[in-house]
N, C-alpha and C. Protein backbone atom coordinates (compact mmCIF):
# COMPACT_ATOMS: atom_id res chain seq x y z
N MET A 1 131.38 175.59 82.25
CA MET A 1 130.45 174.63 81.65
C MET A 1 129.86 173.74 82.74
N ILE A 2 128.56 173.46 82.65
CA ILE A 2 127.94 172.56 83.61
C ILE A 2 128.05 171.12 83.11
N ILE A 3 127.91 170.19 84.03
CA ILE A 3 128.14 168.78 83.71
C ILE A 3 127.16 168.27 82.65
N SER A 4 125.91 168.74 82.67
CA SER A 4 124.93 168.25 81.70
C SER A 4 125.28 168.66 80.27
N ALA A 5 126.15 169.64 80.11
CA ALA A 5 126.55 170.08 78.77
C ALA A 5 127.72 169.27 78.22
N LEU A 6 128.29 168.41 79.05
CA LEU A 6 129.43 167.61 78.60
C LEU A 6 129.00 166.52 77.63
N ASN A 7 129.84 166.25 76.65
CA ASN A 7 129.67 165.07 75.80
C ASN A 7 130.58 163.99 76.41
N PHE A 8 129.98 163.06 77.14
CA PHE A 8 130.78 162.09 77.87
C PHE A 8 131.59 161.19 76.94
N ALA A 9 131.06 160.90 75.76
CA ALA A 9 131.81 160.08 74.81
C ALA A 9 133.10 160.79 74.39
N THR A 10 133.01 162.09 74.20
CA THR A 10 134.20 162.87 73.85
C THR A 10 135.19 162.92 75.01
N VAL A 11 134.67 163.11 76.22
CA VAL A 11 135.52 163.12 77.41
C VAL A 11 136.31 161.82 77.51
N VAL A 12 135.61 160.69 77.35
CA VAL A 12 136.26 159.38 77.44
C VAL A 12 137.32 159.23 76.36
N GLY A 13 136.98 159.61 75.12
CA GLY A 13 137.94 159.49 74.03
C GLY A 13 139.19 160.32 74.25
N ILE A 14 139.01 161.56 74.70
CA ILE A 14 140.15 162.45 74.95
C ILE A 14 141.06 161.85 76.03
N GLN A 15 140.46 161.40 77.13
CA GLN A 15 141.27 160.91 78.24
C GLN A 15 141.96 159.59 77.90
N LEU A 16 141.32 158.74 77.13
CA LEU A 16 141.96 157.49 76.73
C LEU A 16 143.17 157.77 75.83
N ARG A 17 143.02 158.71 74.91
CA ARG A 17 144.16 159.06 74.05
C ARG A 17 145.28 159.70 74.86
N ARG A 18 144.93 160.58 75.78
CA ARG A 18 145.94 161.22 76.62
C ARG A 18 146.71 160.18 77.43
N SER A 19 146.02 159.13 77.84
CA SER A 19 146.62 158.12 78.71
C SER A 19 147.18 156.93 77.94
N SER A 20 147.05 156.95 76.60
CA SER A 20 147.52 155.84 75.75
C SER A 20 146.90 154.51 76.19
N MET A 21 145.61 154.54 76.53
CA MET A 21 144.90 153.34 76.98
C MET A 21 144.02 152.84 75.85
N ARG A 22 144.27 151.61 75.42
CA ARG A 22 143.52 151.01 74.32
C ARG A 22 142.85 149.72 74.79
N ASN A 23 141.92 149.24 73.97
CA ASN A 23 141.22 147.98 74.25
C ASN A 23 140.46 148.02 75.57
N VAL A 24 139.78 149.13 75.81
CA VAL A 24 138.92 149.24 77.00
C VAL A 24 137.45 149.28 76.54
N ASP A 25 136.57 149.08 77.47
CA ASP A 25 135.14 149.11 77.19
C ASP A 25 134.65 150.55 77.31
N GLN A 26 134.71 151.31 76.22
CA GLN A 26 134.36 152.73 76.27
C GLN A 26 132.89 152.94 76.65
N GLU A 27 132.03 152.02 76.23
CA GLU A 27 130.61 152.17 76.57
C GLU A 27 130.41 152.11 78.09
N PHE A 28 131.20 151.28 78.76
CA PHE A 28 131.08 151.20 80.22
C PHE A 28 131.47 152.53 80.86
N TYR A 29 132.54 153.14 80.37
CA TYR A 29 132.96 154.45 80.89
C TYR A 29 131.83 155.47 80.68
N TYR A 30 131.29 155.48 79.47
CA TYR A 30 130.23 156.45 79.14
C TYR A 30 129.03 156.28 80.08
N GLN A 31 128.53 155.05 80.17
CA GLN A 31 127.35 154.81 81.00
C GLN A 31 127.64 155.04 82.48
N SER A 32 128.85 154.72 82.92
CA SER A 32 129.21 154.97 84.32
C SER A 32 129.18 156.45 84.63
N LEU A 33 129.74 157.28 83.73
CA LEU A 33 129.73 158.72 83.95
C LEU A 33 128.31 159.27 83.96
N VAL A 34 127.48 158.78 83.05
CA VAL A 34 126.08 159.22 83.02
C VAL A 34 125.41 158.93 84.36
N ASN A 35 125.61 157.73 84.88
CA ASN A 35 124.94 157.33 86.13
C ASN A 35 125.52 158.05 87.35
N MET A 36 126.84 158.13 87.45
CA MET A 36 127.43 158.67 88.67
C MET A 36 127.34 160.19 88.76
N LEU A 37 127.21 160.85 87.61
CA LEU A 37 127.19 162.32 87.62
C LEU A 37 125.77 162.90 87.51
N LYS A 38 124.79 162.03 87.45
CA LYS A 38 123.39 162.50 87.30
C LYS A 38 122.98 163.49 88.39
N PRO A 39 123.32 163.27 89.67
CA PRO A 39 122.90 164.23 90.70
C PRO A 39 123.60 165.59 90.59
N PHE A 40 124.68 165.65 89.81
CA PHE A 40 125.46 166.87 89.73
C PHE A 40 125.32 167.57 88.38
N ARG A 41 124.32 167.18 87.61
CA ARG A 41 124.22 167.62 86.22
C ARG A 41 124.12 169.14 86.07
N ASP A 42 123.59 169.83 87.07
CA ASP A 42 123.42 171.28 86.96
C ASP A 42 124.58 172.06 87.60
N LYS A 43 125.60 171.36 88.03
CA LYS A 43 126.74 172.02 88.67
C LYS A 43 127.88 172.22 87.68
N PRO A 44 128.69 173.25 87.88
CA PRO A 44 129.87 173.44 87.01
C PRO A 44 130.82 172.25 87.12
N VAL A 45 131.45 171.92 85.99
CA VAL A 45 132.32 170.75 85.93
C VAL A 45 133.41 170.78 86.99
N ASP A 46 133.95 171.96 87.26
CA ASP A 46 135.09 172.06 88.17
C ASP A 46 134.68 172.30 89.62
N GLN A 47 133.38 172.18 89.92
CA GLN A 47 132.93 172.48 91.29
C GLN A 47 132.25 171.29 91.96
N VAL A 48 132.58 170.09 91.46
CA VAL A 48 132.08 168.87 92.10
C VAL A 48 133.29 168.07 92.57
N PRO A 49 133.62 168.12 93.86
CA PRO A 49 134.81 167.42 94.35
C PRO A 49 134.74 165.92 94.11
N LEU A 50 135.89 165.32 93.83
CA LEU A 50 135.95 163.87 93.64
C LEU A 50 135.40 163.14 94.87
N MET A 51 135.66 163.66 96.05
CA MET A 51 135.17 163.03 97.27
C MET A 51 133.64 162.95 97.27
N GLU A 52 133.00 163.99 96.75
CA GLU A 52 131.53 164.01 96.71
C GLU A 52 131.01 163.00 95.70
N ILE A 53 131.68 162.86 94.56
CA ILE A 53 131.29 161.86 93.56
C ILE A 53 131.44 160.46 94.15
N ASN A 54 132.57 160.23 94.83
CA ASN A 54 132.80 158.91 95.43
C ASN A 54 131.76 158.59 96.49
N ARG A 55 131.37 159.59 97.27
CA ARG A 55 130.37 159.38 98.31
C ARG A 55 129.04 158.97 97.67
N HIS A 56 128.69 159.60 96.55
CA HIS A 56 127.46 159.24 95.85
C HIS A 56 127.53 157.81 95.32
N ILE A 57 128.67 157.44 94.73
CA ILE A 57 128.83 156.09 94.20
C ILE A 57 128.62 155.05 95.30
N LYS A 58 129.18 155.30 96.47
CA LYS A 58 129.07 154.35 97.58
C LYS A 58 127.66 154.27 98.13
N SER A 59 126.83 155.27 97.81
CA SER A 59 125.44 155.25 98.27
C SER A 59 124.53 154.45 97.33
N LEU A 60 125.03 154.14 96.14
CA LEU A 60 124.23 153.42 95.16
C LEU A 60 124.16 151.93 95.51
N ASN A 61 123.11 151.29 95.03
CA ASN A 61 122.94 149.85 95.27
C ASN A 61 123.71 149.06 94.23
N LEU A 62 125.03 149.00 94.40
CA LEU A 62 125.91 148.33 93.45
C LEU A 62 126.60 147.15 94.13
N ASP A 63 126.87 146.11 93.35
CA ASP A 63 127.69 145.04 93.90
C ASP A 63 129.12 145.58 94.08
N PRO A 64 129.91 144.99 94.97
CA PRO A 64 131.23 145.54 95.28
C PRO A 64 132.15 145.70 94.07
N THR A 65 132.09 144.76 93.13
CA THR A 65 132.96 144.85 91.96
C THR A 65 132.58 146.04 91.08
N THR A 66 131.28 146.19 90.82
CA THR A 66 130.82 147.33 90.01
C THR A 66 131.11 148.64 90.73
N ARG A 67 130.94 148.67 92.05
CA ARG A 67 131.23 149.88 92.82
C ARG A 67 132.69 150.29 92.63
N ASP A 68 133.60 149.33 92.73
CA ASP A 68 135.02 149.65 92.60
C ASP A 68 135.35 150.10 91.17
N CYS A 69 134.68 149.51 90.18
CA CYS A 69 134.88 149.96 88.80
C CYS A 69 134.41 151.40 88.62
N TYR A 70 133.27 151.73 89.22
CA TYR A 70 132.76 153.10 89.17
C TYR A 70 133.73 154.08 89.83
N LEU A 71 134.29 153.67 90.97
CA LEU A 71 135.23 154.53 91.67
C LEU A 71 136.47 154.78 90.80
N TYR A 72 136.89 153.76 90.06
CA TYR A 72 138.03 153.95 89.15
C TYR A 72 137.66 154.95 88.05
N VAL A 73 136.46 154.82 87.48
CA VAL A 73 136.03 155.73 86.42
C VAL A 73 135.91 157.16 86.96
N ALA A 74 135.51 157.30 88.22
CA ALA A 74 135.44 158.64 88.83
C ALA A 74 136.83 159.27 88.87
N HIS A 75 137.84 158.50 89.22
CA HIS A 75 139.22 159.01 89.21
C HIS A 75 139.65 159.36 87.78
N PHE A 76 139.22 158.53 86.83
CA PHE A 76 139.50 158.77 85.42
C PHE A 76 138.93 160.12 84.98
N PHE A 77 137.69 160.40 85.40
CA PHE A 77 137.04 161.67 85.10
C PHE A 77 137.78 162.83 85.75
N ASP A 78 138.21 162.63 87.00
CA ASP A 78 138.94 163.69 87.69
C ASP A 78 140.29 163.96 87.02
N ASP A 79 140.93 162.91 86.53
CA ASP A 79 142.18 163.09 85.78
C ASP A 79 141.94 163.94 84.53
N TRP A 80 140.81 163.67 83.86
CA TRP A 80 140.47 164.47 82.66
C TRP A 80 140.31 165.93 83.03
N ARG A 81 139.61 166.20 84.14
CA ARG A 81 139.41 167.59 84.56
C ARG A 81 140.74 168.28 84.86
N ASN A 82 141.68 167.53 85.38
CA ASN A 82 142.96 168.11 85.77
C ASN A 82 144.01 168.03 84.67
N GLY A 83 143.64 167.45 83.53
CA GLY A 83 144.56 167.39 82.41
C GLY A 83 145.76 166.49 82.61
N ILE A 84 145.59 165.41 83.40
CA ILE A 84 146.70 164.49 83.64
C ILE A 84 146.36 163.09 83.11
N ARG A 85 147.39 162.29 82.88
CA ARG A 85 147.20 160.94 82.38
C ARG A 85 146.59 160.04 83.45
N SER A 86 145.75 159.12 83.01
CA SER A 86 145.20 158.12 83.93
C SER A 86 146.07 156.86 83.90
N LYS A 87 146.18 156.23 85.06
CA LYS A 87 146.92 154.98 85.16
C LYS A 87 145.94 153.81 85.17
N PRO A 88 146.37 152.64 84.70
CA PRO A 88 145.49 151.46 84.80
C PRO A 88 145.11 151.18 86.24
N CYS A 89 143.99 150.53 86.41
CA CYS A 89 143.50 150.19 87.76
C CYS A 89 144.49 149.23 88.42
N ASP A 90 144.76 149.44 89.69
CA ASP A 90 145.71 148.57 90.39
C ASP A 90 145.02 147.46 91.17
N GLY A 91 143.73 147.28 90.92
CA GLY A 91 143.01 146.18 91.55
C GLY A 91 141.67 146.61 92.12
N ILE A 92 140.66 145.77 91.91
CA ILE A 92 139.34 146.01 92.47
C ILE A 92 138.91 144.78 93.25
N TYR A 93 137.83 144.92 94.00
CA TYR A 93 137.34 143.80 94.79
C TYR A 93 136.61 142.80 93.90
N MET A 94 137.02 141.53 93.97
CA MET A 94 136.30 140.46 93.28
C MET A 94 136.21 139.27 94.22
N GLU A 95 134.97 138.78 94.42
CA GLU A 95 134.76 137.59 95.24
C GLU A 95 134.46 136.42 94.32
N CYS A 96 135.12 135.30 94.58
CA CYS A 96 134.90 134.11 93.75
C CYS A 96 133.51 133.53 94.03
N PRO A 97 132.68 133.33 92.99
CA PRO A 97 131.34 132.79 93.21
C PRO A 97 131.34 131.30 93.52
N TYR A 98 132.50 130.64 93.36
CA TYR A 98 132.57 129.19 93.57
C TYR A 98 133.05 128.82 94.97
N CYS A 99 134.07 129.51 95.46
CA CYS A 99 134.62 129.16 96.77
C CYS A 99 134.52 130.31 97.77
N GLN A 100 133.98 131.44 97.33
CA GLN A 100 133.84 132.65 98.15
C GLN A 100 135.18 133.23 98.61
N GLY A 101 136.26 132.83 97.94
CA GLY A 101 137.55 133.45 98.20
C GLY A 101 137.64 134.77 97.47
N SER A 102 138.78 135.42 97.58
CA SER A 102 139.01 136.67 96.86
C SER A 102 139.85 136.40 95.62
N ALA A 103 139.75 137.29 94.65
CA ALA A 103 140.56 137.19 93.44
C ALA A 103 141.36 138.47 93.28
N HIS A 104 142.58 138.33 92.83
CA HIS A 104 143.47 139.48 92.68
C HIS A 104 144.17 139.44 91.32
N LEU A 105 144.68 140.59 90.92
CA LEU A 105 145.42 140.68 89.67
C LEU A 105 146.69 139.83 89.76
N LYS A 106 146.84 138.93 88.79
CA LYS A 106 148.01 138.06 88.74
C LYS A 106 148.47 137.92 87.28
N ASP A 107 149.70 137.45 87.12
CA ASP A 107 150.22 137.17 85.79
C ASP A 107 149.52 135.92 85.25
N SER A 108 149.05 135.99 84.01
CA SER A 108 148.34 134.85 83.41
C SER A 108 149.23 133.64 83.22
N ALA A 109 150.54 133.82 83.30
CA ALA A 109 151.46 132.68 83.16
C ALA A 109 151.18 131.62 84.22
N GLU A 110 150.54 132.01 85.32
CA GLU A 110 150.23 131.05 86.38
C GLU A 110 149.24 129.98 85.93
N VAL A 111 148.41 130.31 84.92
CA VAL A 111 147.43 129.32 84.46
C VAL A 111 147.69 128.84 83.04
N TYR A 112 148.61 129.47 82.33
CA TYR A 112 148.89 129.08 80.95
C TYR A 112 150.28 128.46 80.80
N GLN A 113 150.66 127.64 81.77
CA GLN A 113 151.90 126.88 81.70
C GLN A 113 153.10 127.76 81.35
N GLY A 114 153.18 128.91 81.99
CA GLY A 114 154.32 129.78 81.81
C GLY A 114 154.21 130.77 80.66
N ARG A 115 153.18 130.66 79.82
CA ARG A 115 152.98 131.60 78.72
C ARG A 115 152.24 132.83 79.23
N ASP A 116 152.75 134.00 78.92
CA ASP A 116 152.20 135.25 79.45
C ASP A 116 151.25 135.89 78.44
N PHE A 117 149.96 135.97 78.80
CA PHE A 117 148.96 136.63 77.96
C PHE A 117 148.43 137.88 78.65
N GLY A 118 149.21 138.44 79.54
CA GLY A 118 148.78 139.63 80.26
C GLY A 118 148.22 139.28 81.63
N LEU A 119 147.65 140.27 82.29
CA LEU A 119 147.12 140.07 83.63
C LEU A 119 145.74 139.43 83.61
N ILE A 120 145.41 138.76 84.69
CA ILE A 120 144.07 138.20 84.90
C ILE A 120 143.71 138.40 86.37
N TYR A 121 142.41 138.28 86.68
CA TYR A 121 141.99 138.18 88.07
C TYR A 121 141.89 136.69 88.37
N LEU A 122 142.70 136.24 89.32
CA LEU A 122 142.81 134.82 89.63
C LEU A 122 142.40 134.58 91.08
N CYS A 123 141.55 133.58 91.28
CA CYS A 123 141.11 133.23 92.64
C CYS A 123 142.33 132.86 93.49
N ASP A 124 142.36 133.35 94.72
CA ASP A 124 143.47 133.07 95.63
C ASP A 124 143.60 131.58 95.94
N ASN A 125 142.52 130.81 95.74
CA ASN A 125 142.56 129.39 96.06
C ASN A 125 142.95 128.53 94.86
N TYR A 126 143.36 129.17 93.77
CA TYR A 126 143.84 128.44 92.59
C TYR A 126 145.26 127.93 92.86
N PRO A 127 145.61 126.71 92.45
CA PRO A 127 144.78 125.71 91.79
C PRO A 127 144.28 124.62 92.74
N GLU A 128 144.67 124.69 94.01
CA GLU A 128 144.38 123.59 94.93
C GLU A 128 142.89 123.37 95.13
N ALA A 129 142.14 124.46 95.34
CA ALA A 129 140.72 124.30 95.69
C ALA A 129 139.77 124.97 94.71
N CYS A 130 140.30 125.68 93.72
CA CYS A 130 139.43 126.42 92.80
C CYS A 130 140.18 126.70 91.51
N ASP A 131 139.45 126.77 90.40
CA ASP A 131 140.13 127.05 89.12
C ASP A 131 139.54 128.27 88.42
N ALA A 132 139.00 129.21 89.21
CA ALA A 132 138.30 130.36 88.63
C ALA A 132 139.25 131.51 88.32
N TYR A 133 139.04 132.13 87.17
CA TYR A 133 139.76 133.35 86.81
C TYR A 133 139.00 134.06 85.70
N VAL A 134 139.41 135.29 85.40
CA VAL A 134 138.81 136.05 84.31
C VAL A 134 139.86 137.01 83.77
N GLY A 135 139.82 137.27 82.47
CA GLY A 135 140.77 138.18 81.85
C GLY A 135 140.42 139.64 82.13
N VAL A 136 141.29 140.52 81.69
CA VAL A 136 141.09 141.96 81.90
C VAL A 136 141.23 142.70 80.57
N HIS A 137 140.68 143.91 80.54
CA HIS A 137 140.97 144.82 79.43
C HIS A 137 142.41 145.29 79.60
N GLN A 138 143.23 145.07 78.60
CA GLN A 138 144.65 145.34 78.77
C GLN A 138 144.96 146.82 78.93
N GLY A 139 144.04 147.69 78.54
CA GLY A 139 144.30 149.12 78.68
C GLY A 139 144.15 149.63 80.10
N ASP A 140 143.14 149.11 80.82
CA ASP A 140 142.87 149.66 82.16
C ASP A 140 142.87 148.62 83.27
N TYR A 141 142.97 147.34 82.91
CA TYR A 141 143.02 146.23 83.86
C TYR A 141 141.70 146.03 84.61
N LEU A 142 140.61 146.58 84.09
CA LEU A 142 139.30 146.25 84.65
C LEU A 142 138.89 144.87 84.13
N PRO A 143 138.19 144.06 84.94
CA PRO A 143 137.85 142.69 84.51
C PRO A 143 136.93 142.69 83.31
N LEU A 144 137.11 141.67 82.47
CA LEU A 144 136.25 141.51 81.30
C LEU A 144 134.84 141.10 81.70
N GLY A 145 134.70 140.50 82.85
CA GLY A 145 133.39 140.03 83.30
C GLY A 145 133.52 139.37 84.66
N GLN A 146 132.71 138.34 84.87
CA GLN A 146 132.71 137.64 86.14
C GLN A 146 133.69 136.47 86.10
N LEU A 147 134.20 136.08 87.25
CA LEU A 147 135.07 134.92 87.35
C LEU A 147 134.36 133.68 86.84
N SER A 148 135.11 132.79 86.19
CA SER A 148 134.49 131.58 85.65
C SER A 148 135.38 130.37 85.89
N ASN A 149 134.75 129.21 86.06
CA ASN A 149 135.49 127.96 86.21
C ASN A 149 135.61 127.29 84.83
N THR A 150 136.17 126.08 84.80
CA THR A 150 136.42 125.40 83.53
C THR A 150 135.14 125.22 82.73
N GLN A 151 134.08 124.77 83.40
CA GLN A 151 132.81 124.53 82.70
C GLN A 151 132.26 125.80 82.09
N LEU A 152 132.26 126.89 82.85
CA LEU A 152 131.69 128.15 82.34
C LEU A 152 132.56 128.72 81.23
N ARG A 153 133.88 128.58 81.35
CA ARG A 153 134.75 129.06 80.27
C ARG A 153 134.46 128.32 78.98
N SER A 154 134.19 127.02 79.06
CA SER A 154 133.86 126.23 77.87
C SER A 154 132.54 126.70 77.26
N LEU A 155 131.54 126.96 78.11
CA LEU A 155 130.25 127.45 77.62
C LEU A 155 130.40 128.82 76.95
N ARG A 156 131.19 129.70 77.56
CA ARG A 156 131.39 131.03 76.97
C ARG A 156 132.08 130.94 75.62
N ARG A 157 133.05 130.02 75.49
CA ARG A 157 133.70 129.84 74.18
C ARG A 157 132.70 129.38 73.14
N SER A 158 131.77 128.50 73.53
CA SER A 158 130.74 128.04 72.59
C SER A 158 129.84 129.20 72.16
N VAL A 159 129.50 130.08 73.10
CA VAL A 159 128.68 131.24 72.77
C VAL A 159 129.43 132.15 71.80
N HIS A 160 130.71 132.39 72.06
CA HIS A 160 131.51 133.23 71.16
C HIS A 160 131.56 132.63 69.75
N ARG A 161 131.69 131.30 69.67
CA ARG A 161 131.73 130.65 68.35
C ARG A 161 130.42 130.84 67.59
N LEU A 162 129.33 130.99 68.34
CA LEU A 162 128.04 131.24 67.71
C LEU A 162 127.86 132.70 67.35
N ILE A 163 128.17 133.60 68.29
CA ILE A 163 127.87 135.02 68.13
C ILE A 163 128.87 135.77 67.26
N ASP A 164 130.16 135.53 67.46
CA ASP A 164 131.18 136.36 66.82
C ASP A 164 131.12 136.36 65.29
N PRO A 165 130.91 135.21 64.63
CA PRO A 165 130.83 135.26 63.16
C PRO A 165 129.67 136.09 62.63
N LEU A 166 128.64 136.29 63.46
CA LEU A 166 127.48 137.06 63.01
C LEU A 166 127.83 138.52 62.77
N TRP A 167 128.83 139.03 63.49
CA TRP A 167 129.23 140.43 63.27
C TRP A 167 130.62 140.57 62.65
N ARG A 168 131.45 139.55 62.77
CA ARG A 168 132.78 139.66 62.18
C ARG A 168 132.79 139.32 60.70
N GLU A 169 131.91 138.42 60.29
CA GLU A 169 131.95 137.92 58.92
C GLU A 169 130.76 138.35 58.09
N ARG A 170 129.89 139.16 58.66
CA ARG A 170 128.69 139.58 57.92
C ARG A 170 128.51 141.09 58.03
N ALA A 171 127.51 141.59 57.34
CA ALA A 171 127.34 143.05 57.22
C ALA A 171 126.55 143.62 58.40
N TYR A 172 126.90 143.19 59.59
CA TYR A 172 126.24 143.72 60.79
C TYR A 172 127.32 144.18 61.76
N SER A 173 127.02 145.23 62.52
CA SER A 173 127.98 145.69 63.52
C SER A 173 127.81 144.85 64.78
N ARG A 174 128.82 144.89 65.62
CA ARG A 174 128.75 144.17 66.90
C ARG A 174 127.59 144.70 67.74
N ASN A 175 127.38 146.02 67.71
CA ASN A 175 126.29 146.61 68.51
C ASN A 175 124.93 146.11 68.06
N VAL A 176 124.76 145.92 66.76
CA VAL A 176 123.48 145.43 66.24
C VAL A 176 123.21 144.01 66.74
N VAL A 177 124.22 143.15 66.64
CA VAL A 177 124.06 141.75 67.05
C VAL A 177 123.80 141.67 68.56
N TYR A 178 124.60 142.39 69.34
CA TYR A 178 124.43 142.33 70.80
C TYR A 178 123.15 143.05 71.24
N GLY A 179 122.74 144.05 70.50
CA GLY A 179 121.48 144.71 70.81
C GLY A 179 120.31 143.76 70.63
N PHE A 180 120.33 142.99 69.53
CA PHE A 180 119.29 141.99 69.29
C PHE A 180 119.31 140.93 70.38
N LEU A 181 120.52 140.48 70.74
CA LEU A 181 120.65 139.46 71.79
C LEU A 181 120.12 139.98 73.12
N ALA A 182 120.43 141.23 73.44
CA ALA A 182 119.94 141.82 74.70
C ALA A 182 118.42 141.86 74.73
N ASP A 183 117.82 142.17 73.58
CA ASP A 183 116.35 142.24 73.52
C ASP A 183 115.72 140.87 73.76
N ILE A 184 116.23 139.84 73.08
CA ILE A 184 115.59 138.53 73.21
C ILE A 184 115.89 137.87 74.56
N MET A 185 116.97 138.33 75.22
CA MET A 185 117.28 137.80 76.54
C MET A 185 116.74 138.69 77.66
N ASP A 186 116.13 139.82 77.26
CA ASP A 186 115.57 140.77 78.22
C ASP A 186 116.64 141.25 79.21
N LEU A 187 117.77 141.72 78.64
CA LEU A 187 118.87 142.22 79.45
C LEU A 187 119.18 143.65 79.07
N PRO A 188 119.63 144.47 80.02
CA PRO A 188 120.18 145.78 79.65
C PRO A 188 121.40 145.57 78.76
N ILE A 189 121.62 146.43 77.79
CA ILE A 189 122.71 146.24 76.85
C ILE A 189 124.05 146.18 77.56
N LEU A 190 124.23 146.92 78.67
CA LEU A 190 125.50 146.90 79.39
C LEU A 190 125.78 145.56 80.06
N GLU A 191 124.73 144.76 80.28
CA GLU A 191 124.91 143.46 80.90
C GLU A 191 124.96 142.34 79.87
N CYS A 192 124.83 142.71 78.60
CA CYS A 192 124.82 141.70 77.55
C CYS A 192 126.24 141.53 76.99
N HIS A 193 127.09 140.94 77.81
CA HIS A 193 128.46 140.60 77.41
C HIS A 193 128.68 139.13 77.77
N VAL A 194 129.28 138.39 76.86
CA VAL A 194 129.48 136.96 77.10
C VAL A 194 130.28 136.75 78.38
N ALA A 195 131.25 137.62 78.66
CA ALA A 195 132.08 137.46 79.86
C ALA A 195 131.29 137.66 81.15
N MET A 196 130.06 138.17 81.03
CA MET A 196 129.23 138.37 82.22
C MET A 196 128.18 137.28 82.36
N PHE A 197 128.07 136.39 81.37
CA PHE A 197 127.05 135.35 81.40
C PHE A 197 127.44 134.22 82.35
N ASP A 198 126.46 133.71 83.10
CA ASP A 198 126.69 132.51 83.90
C ASP A 198 126.30 131.29 83.07
N ASP A 199 126.33 130.12 83.68
CA ASP A 199 126.03 128.88 82.95
C ASP A 199 124.65 128.94 82.29
N ASP A 200 123.64 129.37 83.06
CA ASP A 200 122.27 129.38 82.53
C ASP A 200 122.13 130.35 81.36
N ALA A 201 122.75 131.53 81.47
CA ALA A 201 122.66 132.50 80.39
C ALA A 201 123.33 131.97 79.12
N CYS A 202 124.48 131.32 79.28
CA CYS A 202 125.16 130.75 78.11
C CYS A 202 124.29 129.68 77.44
N LYS A 203 123.71 128.81 78.26
CA LYS A 203 122.86 127.75 77.70
C LYS A 203 121.63 128.33 77.02
N LYS A 204 121.12 129.44 77.55
CA LYS A 204 119.97 130.10 76.93
C LYS A 204 120.33 130.65 75.56
N VAL A 205 121.52 131.28 75.46
CA VAL A 205 121.96 131.81 74.16
C VAL A 205 122.13 130.67 73.16
N LEU A 206 122.76 129.59 73.59
CA LEU A 206 123.00 128.46 72.69
C LEU A 206 121.68 127.85 72.21
N SER A 207 120.66 127.87 73.07
CA SER A 207 119.34 127.34 72.68
C SER A 207 118.65 128.25 71.66
N MET A 208 119.11 129.50 71.56
CA MET A 208 118.53 130.46 70.63
C MET A 208 119.24 130.46 69.27
N ARG A 209 120.12 129.50 69.05
CA ARG A 209 120.87 129.44 67.80
C ARG A 209 119.97 129.56 66.56
N PRO A 210 118.84 128.80 66.46
CA PRO A 210 117.99 128.93 65.27
C PRO A 210 117.46 130.35 65.06
N LYS A 211 117.08 131.01 66.17
CA LYS A 211 116.54 132.36 66.06
C LYS A 211 117.61 133.35 65.62
N LEU A 212 118.83 133.20 66.13
CA LEU A 212 119.93 134.08 65.74
C LEU A 212 120.32 133.88 64.28
N LEU A 213 120.40 132.63 63.86
CA LEU A 213 120.76 132.35 62.48
C LEU A 213 119.68 132.84 61.52
N GLU A 214 118.42 132.70 61.93
CA GLU A 214 117.33 133.19 61.09
C GLU A 214 117.41 134.71 60.92
N GLU A 215 117.78 135.42 61.99
CA GLU A 215 117.84 136.88 61.96
C GLU A 215 119.03 137.39 61.15
N PHE A 216 120.19 136.74 61.30
CA PHE A 216 121.42 137.32 60.73
C PHE A 216 122.04 136.52 59.59
N VAL A 217 121.53 135.33 59.33
CA VAL A 217 122.15 134.48 58.28
C VAL A 217 121.16 134.15 57.17
N ASN A 218 120.03 133.62 57.54
CA ASN A 218 119.06 133.15 56.52
C ASN A 218 118.37 134.30 55.81
């Protein structure tokens, strides 16, 4: 079978079940495979070495964090081809946008007064010089979005309080609500995640409250 004949959504579903990985962003896996395997679409599935896929990923104009996430998904795809379980990511490159330090996978108990809510990416300069961190998908340990400080975390919570009831408590799917939000914010759907919003994006969403309520409530 050639790569263009693959159903990537099925590939992702099979490999996640094989690996007992839950609560991951399946759409990210799907879109990553579409993008990274595009140059190889006419080649047989088993005749594209992982090294060649990785070389292509590194040639793309990606930020370092997205590049490392793509490289992880490439290994995930190779595991599927070989019929073996995938392991969660053991860490990707993340640079803190506030202090330009690095962030690494740490136990969340470090920021939640000893209470463990799973792993997070925590800035190495926490807490003395920086308070930035971000949660992870518990299935694969890929970051939920960009690192955020106290102010941005508060803004993101406000956005969630506005957006989440529109799809959790009403007759709309999450994809419908986020698709509408992506359109009015002029964002690709893959970038329309609250965990990826900066301060300005959050404030923009909050300013659109009347438009969102008119579309999904009134």
